[in-house]
Amino acid sequence: MPLSRAKIAATAIRVADAHGLDGLSVRKIAKELGVGPMRLYDYVINRSELLDLMVDAVYAQIAEAGQHPEWRATVLAIVHRTRDAALAHEWIADLLGARPHLGPHALAVGESIAAALSQAPGVRDVADLQRAVGALNAFIVGALRTEITERRTARSTGTDVSAWQAALGPYLTRMLETGRYPTVARLVIDGAHLDAEETFHHNLITILDGITSHPHP
């Protein structure tokens, strides 16, 4: 079967899913495809172009969220689809916010988000739209990087959040008993272990509520 850029990208995604970006190499991809490494350079110039192809293939999955009649429903669908894609392909968290994603599917997703946000009641001009897009993107990048980092840490150490807290228990107890950190103490002692998906959705709604409202002078 002949090679194609789409086939190379799909194979590279499988390799990255299994080994991360550090384990991604032309040699591994070529081996998976059953060809010599130099054959790949007929289709992709370098690693950067390969990463761009991989990212845009993931954005094609995100684009499947589609358009909805109401702007808020469109944003919710796309952002939750983005989280699903990032959890399925954790390596993309390493590329979020690092460089602009300008492939056709990435641009289509960006257009859908911007077009939806432009219909929000609190977005009155292009400056408001810029701020709204920026705030939403900052939330997505921060939330997904944090969640994926925690997942990776738990896997690499075999330690979940509860075990980590237990291991640091004596130190935390001593520090909190000083009384200098009452709000932190409340979070540690009274705070519940929040569900990641529910928290993501709650915080996303908070961002959208902020975009919807008119800012105070």
N, C-alpha and C. Protein backbone atom coordinates (compact mmCIF):
# COMPACT_ATOMS: atom_id res chain seq x y z
N MET A 1 0.85 -1.19 0.00
CA MET A 1 0.00 0.00 0.00
C MET A 1 0.89 1.25 0.00
N PRO A 2 0.62 2.22 -0.89
CA PRO A 2 1.48 3.40 -0.98
C PRO A 2 1.40 4.27 0.27
N LEU A 3 2.48 5.00 0.50
CA LEU A 3 2.51 5.93 1.63
C LEU A 3 1.71 7.19 1.31
N SER A 4 1.32 7.88 2.34
CA SER A 4 0.68 9.19 2.21
C SER A 4 0.96 9.96 3.48
N ARG A 5 0.80 11.26 3.42
CA ARG A 5 1.01 12.09 4.61
C ARG A 5 0.01 11.71 5.71
N ALA A 6 -1.23 11.41 5.32
CA ALA A 6 -2.24 11.02 6.31
C ALA A 6 -1.86 9.71 6.99
N LYS A 7 -1.35 8.76 6.21
CA LYS A 7 -0.97 7.47 6.79
C LYS A 7 0.23 7.63 7.71
N ILE A 8 1.18 8.44 7.33
CA ILE A 8 2.35 8.70 8.17
C ILE A 8 1.92 9.37 9.47
N ALA A 9 1.01 10.35 9.38
CA ALA A 9 0.54 11.04 10.58
C ALA A 9 -0.19 10.09 11.51
N ALA A 10 -1.04 9.23 10.96
CA ALA A 10 -1.78 8.27 11.78
C ALA A 10 -0.84 7.31 12.50
N THR A 11 0.20 6.88 11.80
CA THR A 11 1.19 5.97 12.41
C THR A 11 1.98 6.69 13.48
N ALA A 12 2.37 7.93 13.19
CA ALA A 12 3.11 8.72 14.18
C ALA A 12 2.28 8.94 15.44
N ILE A 13 0.99 9.15 15.28
CA ILE A 13 0.10 9.33 16.43
C ILE A 13 0.07 8.06 17.28
N ARG A 14 0.01 6.91 16.64
CA ARG A 14 0.02 5.64 17.40
C ARG A 14 1.31 5.48 18.18
N VAL A 15 2.43 5.85 17.56
CA VAL A 15 3.72 5.75 18.23
C VAL A 15 3.78 6.72 19.41
N ALA A 16 3.32 7.94 19.20
CA ALA A 16 3.35 8.94 20.26
C ALA A 16 2.39 8.57 21.39
N ASP A 17 1.25 7.99 21.05
CA ASP A 17 0.31 7.54 22.09
C ASP A 17 0.97 6.49 22.98
N ALA A 18 1.78 5.64 22.39
CA ALA A 18 2.41 4.56 23.14
C ALA A 18 3.68 4.99 23.86
N HIS A 19 4.44 5.90 23.27
CA HIS A 19 5.77 6.21 23.79
C HIS A 19 5.99 7.69 24.12
N GLY A 20 5.01 8.55 23.84
CA GLY A 20 5.19 9.98 24.06
C GLY A 20 6.03 10.60 22.97
N LEU A 21 6.15 11.93 23.00
CA LEU A 21 6.92 12.63 21.97
C LEU A 21 8.40 12.29 22.06
N ASP A 22 8.90 12.02 23.26
CA ASP A 22 10.32 11.66 23.40
C ASP A 22 10.63 10.35 22.71
N GLY A 23 9.62 9.49 22.60
CA GLY A 23 9.82 8.20 21.95
C GLY A 23 9.46 8.21 20.48
N LEU A 24 9.13 9.39 19.96
CA LEU A 24 8.74 9.50 18.55
C LEU A 24 9.99 9.70 17.69
N SER A 25 10.20 8.82 16.75
CA SER A 25 11.35 8.95 15.86
C SER A 25 10.97 8.48 14.46
N VAL A 26 11.67 9.02 13.49
CA VAL A 26 11.44 8.61 12.10
C VAL A 26 11.68 7.12 11.95
N ARG A 27 12.68 6.61 12.65
CA ARG A 27 12.99 5.18 12.55
C ARG A 27 11.83 4.31 13.03
N LYS A 28 11.22 4.69 14.14
CA LYS A 28 10.10 3.91 14.68
C LYS A 28 8.90 3.97 13.74
N ILE A 29 8.63 5.16 13.20
CA ILE A 29 7.50 5.30 12.29
C ILE A 29 7.73 4.47 11.03
N ALA A 30 8.93 4.56 10.51
CA ALA A 30 9.26 3.79 9.30
C ALA A 30 9.13 2.29 9.55
N LYS A 31 9.58 1.84 10.71
CA LYS A 31 9.47 0.42 11.05
C LYS A 31 8.01 -0.02 11.10
N GLU A 32 7.16 0.82 11.70
CA GLU A 32 5.73 0.51 11.76
C GLU A 32 5.12 0.42 10.36
N LEU A 33 5.63 1.26 9.46
CA LEU A 33 5.09 1.29 8.09
C LEU A 33 5.76 0.27 7.18
N GLY A 34 6.84 -0.33 7.66
CA GLY A 34 7.54 -1.34 6.86
C GLY A 34 8.33 -0.76 5.71
N VAL A 35 8.88 0.45 5.92
CA VAL A 35 9.68 1.09 4.87
C VAL A 35 10.98 1.59 5.49
N GLY A 36 11.91 2.00 4.64
CA GLY A 36 13.14 2.61 5.11
C GLY A 36 12.89 4.03 5.60
N PRO A 37 13.65 4.48 6.61
CA PRO A 37 13.44 5.82 7.17
C PRO A 37 13.49 6.93 6.12
N MET A 38 14.36 6.82 5.14
CA MET A 38 14.51 7.89 4.16
C MET A 38 13.26 8.07 3.30
N ARG A 39 12.43 7.01 3.19
CA ARG A 39 11.20 7.14 2.41
C ARG A 39 10.27 8.21 2.98
N LEU A 40 10.31 8.37 4.31
CA LEU A 40 9.39 9.32 4.93
C LEU A 40 9.69 10.76 4.53
N TYR A 41 10.96 11.04 4.23
CA TYR A 41 11.33 12.41 3.89
C TYR A 41 10.82 12.83 2.52
N ASP A 42 10.25 11.89 1.77
CA ASP A 42 9.58 12.25 0.52
C ASP A 42 8.22 12.90 0.82
N TYR A 43 7.74 12.73 2.07
CA TYR A 43 6.41 13.19 2.43
C TYR A 43 6.40 14.28 3.51
N VAL A 44 7.36 14.23 4.42
CA VAL A 44 7.48 15.26 5.46
C VAL A 44 8.92 15.74 5.50
N ILE A 45 9.09 17.06 5.60
CA ILE A 45 10.42 17.63 5.51
C ILE A 45 11.23 17.39 6.78
N ASN A 46 10.58 17.54 7.93
CA ASN A 46 11.30 17.44 9.20
C ASN A 46 10.33 17.08 10.32
N ARG A 47 10.84 17.02 11.54
CA ARG A 47 10.02 16.65 12.69
C ARG A 47 8.93 17.68 12.96
N SER A 48 9.23 18.96 12.78
CA SER A 48 8.23 20.00 13.01
C SER A 48 7.02 19.82 12.10
N GLU A 49 7.28 19.51 10.84
CA GLU A 49 6.17 19.30 9.92
C GLU A 49 5.39 18.05 10.30
N LEU A 50 6.08 17.03 10.76
CA LEU A 50 5.41 15.82 11.21
C LEU A 50 4.49 16.12 12.39
N LEU A 51 4.98 16.89 13.36
CA LEU A 51 4.17 17.26 14.52
C LEU A 51 2.95 18.07 14.08
N ASP A 52 3.13 18.97 13.13
CA ASP A 52 2.00 19.76 12.63
C ASP A 52 0.94 18.84 12.02
N LEU A 53 1.36 17.84 11.28
CA LEU A 53 0.41 16.89 10.68
C LEU A 53 -0.33 16.11 11.77
N MET A 54 0.40 15.68 12.78
CA MET A 54 -0.20 14.92 13.88
C MET A 54 -1.23 15.76 14.62
N VAL A 55 -0.85 16.99 14.93
CA VAL A 55 -1.75 17.89 15.66
C VAL A 55 -3.01 18.13 14.85
N ASP A 56 -2.86 18.37 13.55
CA ASP A 56 -4.04 18.67 12.75
C ASP A 56 -4.95 17.45 12.61
N ALA A 57 -4.36 16.26 12.63
CA ALA A 57 -5.18 15.04 12.60
C ALA A 57 -6.02 14.93 13.87
N VAL A 58 -5.47 15.35 15.00
CA VAL A 58 -6.24 15.36 16.25
C VAL A 58 -7.32 16.42 16.19
N TYR A 59 -7.00 17.58 15.62
CA TYR A 59 -8.02 18.62 15.47
C TYR A 59 -9.16 18.15 14.56
N ALA A 60 -8.88 17.26 13.65
CA ALA A 60 -9.96 16.71 12.81
C ALA A 60 -10.95 15.95 13.68
N GLN A 61 -10.48 15.28 14.73
CA GLN A 61 -11.36 14.60 15.67
C GLN A 61 -12.18 15.62 16.47
N ILE A 62 -11.53 16.72 16.86
CA ILE A 62 -12.21 17.75 17.64
C ILE A 62 -13.29 18.42 16.79
N ALA A 63 -12.99 18.61 15.51
CA ALA A 63 -13.94 19.28 14.61
C ALA A 63 -15.24 18.50 14.47
N GLU A 64 -15.21 17.21 14.79
CA GLU A 64 -16.41 16.39 14.69
C GLU A 64 -17.48 16.81 15.70
N ALA A 65 -17.10 17.64 16.68
CA ALA A 65 -18.09 18.15 17.63
C ALA A 65 -19.17 18.95 16.91
N GLY A 66 -18.79 19.57 15.79
CA GLY A 66 -19.75 20.24 14.94
C GLY A 66 -20.31 21.54 15.50
N GLN A 67 -21.25 22.10 14.75
CA GLN A 67 -21.90 23.36 15.12
C GLN A 67 -23.26 23.06 15.75
N HIS A 68 -23.66 23.94 16.65
CA HIS A 68 -24.97 23.81 17.30
C HIS A 68 -25.72 25.13 17.14
N PRO A 69 -27.04 25.10 17.24
CA PRO A 69 -27.81 26.32 17.01
C PRO A 69 -27.47 27.45 17.99
N GLU A 70 -27.09 27.09 19.21
CA GLU A 70 -26.82 28.10 20.23
C GLU A 70 -25.33 28.18 20.47
N TRP A 71 -24.79 29.40 20.60
CA TRP A 71 -23.34 29.61 20.67
C TRP A 71 -22.70 28.84 21.83
N ARG A 72 -23.37 28.87 22.98
CA ARG A 72 -22.81 28.24 24.18
C ARG A 72 -22.69 26.73 24.00
N ALA A 73 -23.69 26.12 23.37
CA ALA A 73 -23.65 24.68 23.13
C ALA A 73 -22.50 24.31 22.20
N THR A 74 -22.23 25.16 21.22
CA THR A 74 -21.11 24.91 20.31
C THR A 74 -19.79 24.94 21.06
N VAL A 75 -19.60 25.96 21.90
CA VAL A 75 -18.35 26.07 22.66
C VAL A 75 -18.18 24.89 23.61
N LEU A 76 -19.23 24.54 24.33
CA LEU A 76 -19.16 23.41 25.26
C LEU A 76 -18.80 22.12 24.54
N ALA A 77 -19.42 21.88 23.39
CA ALA A 77 -19.16 20.65 22.65
C ALA A 77 -17.72 20.59 22.17
N ILE A 78 -17.22 21.70 21.63
CA ILE A 78 -15.86 21.70 21.10
C ILE A 78 -14.83 21.57 22.22
N VAL A 79 -15.03 22.30 23.32
CA VAL A 79 -14.05 22.26 24.40
C VAL A 79 -14.03 20.89 25.08
N HIS A 80 -15.18 20.30 25.29
CA HIS A 80 -15.20 18.95 25.88
C HIS A 80 -14.60 17.93 24.91
N ARG A 81 -14.82 18.14 23.64
CA ARG A 81 -14.21 17.24 22.64
C ARG A 81 -12.70 17.41 22.65
N THR A 82 -12.25 18.65 22.88
CA THR A 82 -10.81 18.91 22.98
C THR A 82 -10.21 18.16 24.17
N ARG A 83 -10.90 18.19 25.30
CA ARG A 83 -10.42 17.45 26.48
C ARG A 83 -10.37 15.95 26.19
N ASP A 84 -11.41 15.41 25.56
CA ASP A 84 -11.43 13.99 25.22
C ASP A 84 -10.24 13.63 24.34
N ALA A 85 -9.96 14.48 23.35
CA ALA A 85 -8.85 14.21 22.42
C ALA A 85 -7.52 14.28 23.14
N ALA A 86 -7.37 15.25 24.05
CA ALA A 86 -6.11 15.40 24.79
C ALA A 86 -5.87 14.23 25.73
N LEU A 87 -6.93 13.71 26.35
CA LEU A 87 -6.77 12.56 27.24
C LEU A 87 -6.46 11.29 26.44
N ALA A 88 -6.96 11.22 25.21
CA ALA A 88 -6.65 10.07 24.36
C ALA A 88 -5.26 10.16 23.76
N HIS A 89 -4.79 11.38 23.56
CA HIS A 89 -3.47 11.62 22.96
C HIS A 89 -2.72 12.60 23.87
N GLU A 90 -2.22 12.12 24.99
CA GLU A 90 -1.67 13.00 26.02
C GLU A 90 -0.53 13.87 25.52
N TRP A 91 0.20 13.43 24.53
CA TRP A 91 1.34 14.17 24.02
C TRP A 91 0.95 15.55 23.49
N ILE A 92 -0.32 15.71 23.10
CA ILE A 92 -0.72 17.00 22.53
C ILE A 92 -0.67 18.09 23.60
N ALA A 93 -0.76 17.71 24.88
CA ALA A 93 -0.66 18.70 25.96
C ALA A 93 0.70 19.38 25.94
N ASP A 94 1.73 18.67 25.47
CA ASP A 94 3.07 19.25 25.40
C ASP A 94 3.18 20.28 24.29
N LEU A 95 2.22 20.29 23.38
CA LEU A 95 2.27 21.20 22.24
C LEU A 95 1.25 22.32 22.34
N LEU A 96 0.32 22.21 23.30
CA LEU A 96 -0.69 23.26 23.47
C LEU A 96 -0.03 24.55 23.94
N GLY A 97 -0.31 25.63 23.26
CA GLY A 97 0.22 26.92 23.65
C GLY A 97 1.67 27.15 23.26
N ALA A 98 2.33 26.11 22.74
CA ALA A 98 3.75 26.24 22.42
C ALA A 98 3.98 26.97 21.09
N ARG A 99 3.14 26.68 20.10
CA ARG A 99 3.25 27.31 18.79
C ARG A 99 1.87 27.33 18.17
N PRO A 100 1.59 28.28 17.30
CA PRO A 100 0.24 28.34 16.72
C PRO A 100 -0.05 27.10 15.87
N HIS A 101 -1.27 26.63 15.97
CA HIS A 101 -1.71 25.48 15.17
C HIS A 101 -2.51 26.01 13.99
N LEU A 102 -1.94 25.89 12.80
CA LEU A 102 -2.49 26.55 11.63
C LEU A 102 -2.90 25.59 10.52
N GLY A 103 -2.99 24.29 10.85
CA GLY A 103 -3.47 23.33 9.87
C GLY A 103 -4.94 23.58 9.56
N PRO A 104 -5.46 23.01 8.48
CA PRO A 104 -6.85 23.28 8.08
C PRO A 104 -7.88 22.90 9.13
N HIS A 105 -7.68 21.77 9.82
CA HIS A 105 -8.65 21.37 10.84
C HIS A 105 -8.53 22.24 12.09
N ALA A 106 -7.29 22.61 12.44
CA ALA A 106 -7.10 23.50 13.58
C ALA A 106 -7.75 24.86 13.31
N LEU A 107 -7.58 25.37 12.09
CA LEU A 107 -8.20 26.64 11.74
C LEU A 107 -9.72 26.53 11.74
N ALA A 108 -10.24 25.39 11.31
CA ALA A 108 -11.70 25.19 11.30
C ALA A 108 -12.25 25.20 12.72
N VAL A 109 -11.52 24.55 13.65
CA VAL A 109 -11.95 24.55 15.04
C VAL A 109 -11.87 25.96 15.61
N GLY A 110 -10.77 26.66 15.30
CA GLY A 110 -10.63 28.04 15.76
C GLY A 110 -11.73 28.94 15.22
N GLU A 111 -12.11 28.74 13.97
CA GLU A 111 -13.20 29.52 13.37
C GLU A 111 -14.51 29.24 14.09
N SER A 112 -14.77 27.96 14.38
CA SER A 112 -16.03 27.60 15.05
C SER A 112 -16.11 28.23 16.44
N ILE A 113 -14.99 28.18 17.18
CA ILE A 113 -14.96 28.76 18.52
C ILE A 113 -15.15 30.28 18.45
N ALA A 114 -14.40 30.93 17.57
CA ALA A 114 -14.48 32.39 17.48
C ALA A 114 -15.86 32.84 17.01
N ALA A 115 -16.42 32.13 16.03
CA ALA A 115 -17.75 32.49 15.53
C ALA A 115 -18.80 32.33 16.62
N ALA A 116 -18.66 31.27 17.42
CA ALA A 116 -19.62 31.06 18.51
C ALA A 116 -19.48 32.14 19.56
N LEU A 117 -18.26 32.42 19.98
CA LEU A 117 -18.04 33.43 21.02
C LEU A 117 -18.48 34.82 20.56
N SER A 118 -18.39 35.07 19.27
CA SER A 118 -18.79 36.38 18.76
C SER A 118 -20.29 36.63 18.96
N GLN A 119 -21.05 35.55 19.22
CA GLN A 119 -22.48 35.68 19.44
C GLN A 119 -22.84 35.83 20.92
N ALA A 120 -21.83 35.73 21.81
CA ALA A 120 -22.09 35.84 23.25
C ALA A 120 -22.55 37.26 23.58
N PRO A 121 -23.50 37.41 24.51
CA PRO A 121 -24.04 38.74 24.84
C PRO A 121 -22.98 39.74 25.28
N GLY A 122 -21.93 39.29 25.97
CA GLY A 122 -20.92 40.23 26.45
C GLY A 122 -19.87 40.61 25.43
N VAL A 123 -19.93 40.03 24.24
CA VAL A 123 -18.93 40.30 23.19
C VAL A 123 -19.52 41.31 22.21
N ARG A 124 -19.04 42.56 22.31
CA ARG A 124 -19.64 43.65 21.54
C ARG A 124 -18.79 44.08 20.35
N ASP A 125 -17.48 43.80 20.39
CA ASP A 125 -16.62 44.21 19.29
C ASP A 125 -15.45 43.24 19.19
N VAL A 126 -14.53 43.51 18.26
CA VAL A 126 -13.44 42.58 18.02
C VAL A 126 -12.49 42.51 19.22
N ALA A 127 -12.36 43.59 19.98
CA ALA A 127 -11.50 43.56 21.17
C ALA A 127 -12.09 42.62 22.22
N ASP A 128 -13.41 42.69 22.41
CA ASP A 128 -14.06 41.76 23.33
C ASP A 128 -13.86 40.32 22.86
N LEU A 129 -13.97 40.11 21.55
CA LEU A 129 -13.81 38.76 21.01
C LEU A 129 -12.39 38.25 21.23
N GLN A 130 -11.41 39.11 21.03
CA GLN A 130 -10.02 38.73 21.28
C GLN A 130 -9.82 38.29 22.73
N ARG A 131 -10.38 39.08 23.65
CA ARG A 131 -10.24 38.75 25.06
C ARG A 131 -10.96 37.44 25.39
N ALA A 132 -12.14 37.25 24.82
CA ALA A 132 -12.91 36.04 25.09
C ALA A 132 -12.17 34.80 24.58
N VAL A 133 -11.66 34.87 23.36
CA VAL A 133 -10.91 33.74 22.80
C VAL A 133 -9.65 33.48 23.63
N GLY A 134 -8.96 34.55 24.01
CA GLY A 134 -7.75 34.41 24.82
C GLY A 134 -8.02 33.78 26.16
N ALA A 135 -9.09 34.22 26.83
CA ALA A 135 -9.43 33.67 28.14
C ALA A 135 -9.79 32.19 28.03
N LEU A 136 -10.58 31.84 27.02
CA LEU A 136 -10.97 30.44 26.84
C LEU A 136 -9.77 29.57 26.52
N ASN A 137 -8.90 30.04 25.62
CA ASN A 137 -7.71 29.26 25.26
C ASN A 137 -6.78 29.08 26.46
N ALA A 138 -6.63 30.13 27.28
CA ALA A 138 -5.78 30.04 28.45
C ALA A 138 -6.33 29.00 29.43
N PHE A 139 -7.64 28.97 29.59
CA PHE A 139 -8.26 27.96 30.46
C PHE A 139 -8.00 26.56 29.91
N ILE A 140 -8.23 26.36 28.62
CA ILE A 140 -8.06 25.03 28.02
C ILE A 140 -6.64 24.53 28.20
N VAL A 141 -5.66 25.37 27.85
CA VAL A 141 -4.26 24.98 27.95
C VAL A 141 -3.90 24.66 29.40
N GLY A 142 -4.25 25.55 30.31
CA GLY A 142 -3.89 25.34 31.71
C GLY A 142 -4.56 24.13 32.32
N ALA A 143 -5.85 23.98 32.07
CA ALA A 143 -6.60 22.87 32.66
C ALA A 143 -6.10 21.53 32.13
N LEU A 144 -5.90 21.44 30.83
CA LEU A 144 -5.48 20.16 30.25
C LEU A 144 -4.05 19.81 30.61
N ARG A 145 -3.17 20.79 30.61
CA ARG A 145 -1.78 20.51 31.01
C ARG A 145 -1.73 20.02 32.45
N THR A 146 -2.50 20.66 33.33
CA THR A 146 -2.51 20.26 34.73
C THR A 146 -3.06 18.84 34.89
N GLU A 147 -4.19 18.55 34.25
CA GLU A 147 -4.80 17.23 34.40
C GLU A 147 -3.90 16.13 33.84
N ILE A 148 -3.30 16.38 32.69
CA ILE A 148 -2.45 15.35 32.08
C ILE A 148 -1.16 15.18 32.86
N THR A 149 -0.61 16.27 33.39
CA THR A 149 0.58 16.15 34.23
C THR A 149 0.30 15.30 35.46
N GLU A 150 -0.87 15.51 36.08
CA GLU A 150 -1.24 14.71 37.25
C GLU A 150 -1.40 13.24 36.89
N ARG A 151 -1.98 12.95 35.74
CA ARG A 151 -2.14 11.56 35.29
C ARG A 151 -0.77 10.91 35.06
N ARG A 152 0.12 11.65 34.43
CA ARG A 152 1.45 11.11 34.16
C ARG A 152 2.21 10.85 35.47
N THR A 153 2.10 11.80 36.41
CA THR A 153 2.79 11.64 37.69
C THR A 153 2.27 10.42 38.43
N ALA A 154 0.95 10.25 38.43
CA ALA A 154 0.36 9.10 39.11
C ALA A 154 0.85 7.79 38.49
N ARG A 155 0.96 7.76 37.16
CA ARG A 155 1.42 6.54 36.50
C ARG A 155 2.90 6.27 36.78
N SER A 156 3.71 7.33 36.71
CA SER A 156 5.16 7.13 36.82
C SER A 156 5.58 6.80 38.25
N THR A 157 4.83 7.30 39.22
CA THR A 157 5.20 7.07 40.62
C THR A 157 4.34 5.99 41.28
N GLY A 158 3.22 5.66 40.63
CA GLY A 158 2.31 4.71 41.25
C GLY A 158 1.60 5.32 42.44
N THR A 159 1.58 6.64 42.50
CA THR A 159 1.02 7.34 43.65
C THR A 159 -0.13 8.24 43.20
N ASP A 160 -1.31 8.02 43.79
CA ASP A 160 -2.42 8.93 43.48
C ASP A 160 -2.41 10.10 44.45
N VAL A 161 -3.37 11.00 44.29
CA VAL A 161 -3.39 12.21 45.11
C VAL A 161 -3.52 11.88 46.59
N SER A 162 -4.38 10.92 46.92
CA SER A 162 -4.58 10.56 48.32
C SER A 162 -3.30 10.03 48.95
N ALA A 163 -2.59 9.16 48.21
CA ALA A 163 -1.34 8.60 48.72
C ALA A 163 -0.28 9.68 48.88
N TRP A 164 -0.26 10.60 47.93
CA TRP A 164 0.70 11.71 48.01
C TRP A 164 0.43 12.56 49.24
N GLN A 165 -0.85 12.85 49.49
CA GLN A 165 -1.20 13.64 50.67
C GLN A 165 -0.83 12.90 51.96
N ALA A 166 -1.06 11.58 51.96
CA ALA A 166 -0.73 10.79 53.15
C ALA A 166 0.76 10.81 53.41
N ALA A 167 1.56 10.73 52.33
CA ALA A 167 3.01 10.72 52.48
C ALA A 167 3.52 12.05 53.04
N LEU A 168 2.85 13.14 52.67
CA LEU A 168 3.25 14.45 53.15
C LEU A 168 2.51 14.86 54.42
N GLY A 169 1.67 13.95 54.93
CA GLY A 169 0.83 14.26 56.08
C GLY A 169 1.55 14.88 57.26
N PRO A 170 2.62 14.25 57.77
CA PRO A 170 3.29 14.82 58.95
C PRO A 170 3.82 16.23 58.70
N TYR A 171 4.40 16.46 57.53
CA TYR A 171 4.92 17.80 57.22
C TYR A 171 3.78 18.81 57.13
N LEU A 172 2.71 18.44 56.38
CA LEU A 172 1.59 19.35 56.24
C LEU A 172 0.96 19.67 57.60
N THR A 173 0.82 18.65 58.43
CA THR A 173 0.21 18.85 59.74
C THR A 173 1.00 19.87 60.55
N ARG A 174 2.33 19.71 60.55
CA ARG A 174 3.17 20.65 61.30
C ARG A 174 3.01 22.07 60.77
N MET A 175 3.01 22.22 59.44
CA MET A 175 2.92 23.55 58.85
C MET A 175 1.55 24.18 59.09
N LEU A 176 0.50 23.40 58.95
CA LEU A 176 -0.84 23.95 59.10
C LEU A 176 -1.16 24.27 60.55
N GLU A 177 -0.55 23.53 61.45
CA GLU A 177 -0.78 23.79 62.88
C GLU A 177 -0.15 25.10 63.34
N THR A 178 0.70 25.69 62.52
CA THR A 178 1.27 26.99 62.90
C THR A 178 0.21 28.08 62.86
N GLY A 179 -0.88 27.83 62.13
CA GLY A 179 -1.95 28.83 62.02
C GLY A 179 -1.68 29.90 61.00
N ARG A 180 -0.57 29.82 60.30
CA ARG A 180 -0.23 30.86 59.32
C ARG A 180 -0.96 30.68 57.98
N TYR A 181 -1.55 29.51 57.77
CA TYR A 181 -2.15 29.22 56.47
C TYR A 181 -3.59 28.71 56.65
N PRO A 182 -4.48 29.52 57.23
CA PRO A 182 -5.82 29.03 57.56
C PRO A 182 -6.66 28.62 56.34
N THR A 183 -6.51 29.34 55.23
CA THR A 183 -7.31 29.01 54.06
C THR A 183 -6.79 27.75 53.38
N VAL A 184 -5.46 27.62 53.34
CA VAL A 184 -4.87 26.39 52.81
C VAL A 184 -5.30 25.20 53.68
N ALA A 185 -5.32 25.40 55.00
CA ALA A 185 -5.73 24.33 55.92
C ALA A 185 -7.17 23.91 55.63
N ARG A 186 -8.02 24.90 55.39
CA ARG A 186 -9.41 24.57 55.08
C ARG A 186 -9.51 23.74 53.80
N LEU A 187 -8.73 24.12 52.78
CA LEU A 187 -8.74 23.37 51.52
C LEU A 187 -8.27 21.93 51.73
N VAL A 188 -7.20 21.76 52.51
CA VAL A 188 -6.62 20.43 52.71
C VAL A 188 -7.53 19.56 53.58
N ILE A 189 -8.06 20.14 54.65
CA ILE A 189 -8.81 19.35 55.63
C ILE A 189 -10.25 19.13 55.19
N ASP A 190 -10.89 20.19 54.71
CA ASP A 190 -12.32 20.10 54.39
C ASP A 190 -12.59 19.86 52.91
N GLY A 191 -11.61 20.10 52.06
CA GLY A 191 -11.84 19.97 50.62
C GLY A 191 -12.04 18.52 50.20
N ALA A 192 -12.96 18.32 49.27
CA ALA A 192 -13.24 16.98 48.76
C ALA A 192 -12.32 16.68 47.58
N HIS A 193 -12.19 15.39 47.27
CA HIS A 193 -11.45 14.99 46.07
C HIS A 193 -12.38 15.14 44.88
N LEU A 194 -12.18 16.20 44.11
CA LEU A 194 -13.11 16.55 43.05
C LEU A 194 -12.91 15.68 41.81
N ASP A 195 -14.02 15.37 41.15
CA ASP A 195 -13.97 14.62 39.89
C ASP A 195 -13.40 15.53 38.80
N ALA A 196 -12.44 15.03 38.04
CA ALA A 196 -11.73 15.85 37.06
C ALA A 196 -12.67 16.36 35.97
N GLU A 197 -13.52 15.51 35.45
CA GLU A 197 -14.40 15.92 34.37
C GLU A 197 -15.43 16.94 34.86
N GLU A 198 -15.99 16.69 36.03
CA GLU A 198 -16.98 17.61 36.59
C GLU A 198 -16.34 18.98 36.88
N THR A 199 -15.12 18.95 37.41
CA THR A 199 -14.42 20.20 37.71
C THR A 199 -14.11 20.97 36.43
N PHE A 200 -13.66 20.26 35.41
CA PHE A 200 -13.39 20.90 34.12
C PHE A 200 -14.64 21.59 33.60
N HIS A 201 -15.77 20.89 33.65
CA HIS A 201 -17.01 21.46 33.13
C HIS A 201 -17.44 22.67 33.97
N HIS A 202 -17.34 22.55 35.29
CA HIS A 202 -17.73 23.66 36.17
C HIS A 202 -16.89 24.91 35.88
N ASN A 203 -15.58 24.72 35.75
CA ASN A 203 -14.71 25.86 35.50
C ASN A 203 -14.93 26.45 34.10
N LEU A 204 -15.25 25.58 33.15
CA LEU A 204 -15.56 26.06 31.80
C LEU A 204 -16.82 26.92 31.82
N ILE A 205 -17.82 26.47 32.55
CA ILE A 205 -19.05 27.26 32.68
C ILE A 205 -18.76 28.61 33.31
N THR A 206 -17.89 28.63 34.30
CA THR A 206 -17.51 29.89 34.95
C THR A 206 -16.89 30.86 33.94
N ILE A 207 -16.01 30.33 33.08
CA ILE A 207 -15.38 31.16 32.05
C ILE A 207 -16.45 31.71 31.10
N LEU A 208 -17.37 30.86 30.67
CA LEU A 208 -18.39 31.31 29.73
C LEU A 208 -19.34 32.31 30.38
N ASP A 209 -19.62 32.13 31.67
CA ASP A 209 -20.46 33.11 32.36
C ASP A 209 -19.77 34.47 32.40
N GLY A 210 -18.44 34.45 32.59
CA GLY A 210 -17.69 35.70 32.61
C GLY A 210 -17.69 36.37 31.25
N ILE A 211 -17.58 35.58 30.19
CA ILE A 211 -17.59 36.13 28.84
C ILE A 211 -18.97 36.73 28.53
N THR A 212 -20.01 36.10 29.04
CA THR A 212 -21.37 36.55 28.76
C THR A 212 -21.69 37.89 29.42
N SER A 213 -21.14 38.11 30.61
CA SER A 213 -21.48 39.33 31.34
C SER A 213 -20.69 40.52 30.82
N HIS A 214 -21.24 41.69 31.03
CA HIS A 214 -20.54 42.92 30.65
C HIS A 214 -19.54 43.28 31.75
N PRO A 215 -18.29 43.58 31.41
CA PRO A 215 -17.31 43.91 32.43
C PRO A 215 -17.63 45.21 33.16
N HIS A 216 -17.23 45.27 34.41
CA HIS A 216 -17.43 46.50 35.17
C HIS A 216 -16.40 47.53 34.73
N PRO A 217 -16.77 48.81 34.74
CA PRO A 217 -15.82 49.85 34.34
C PRO A 217 -14.70 49.98 35.34
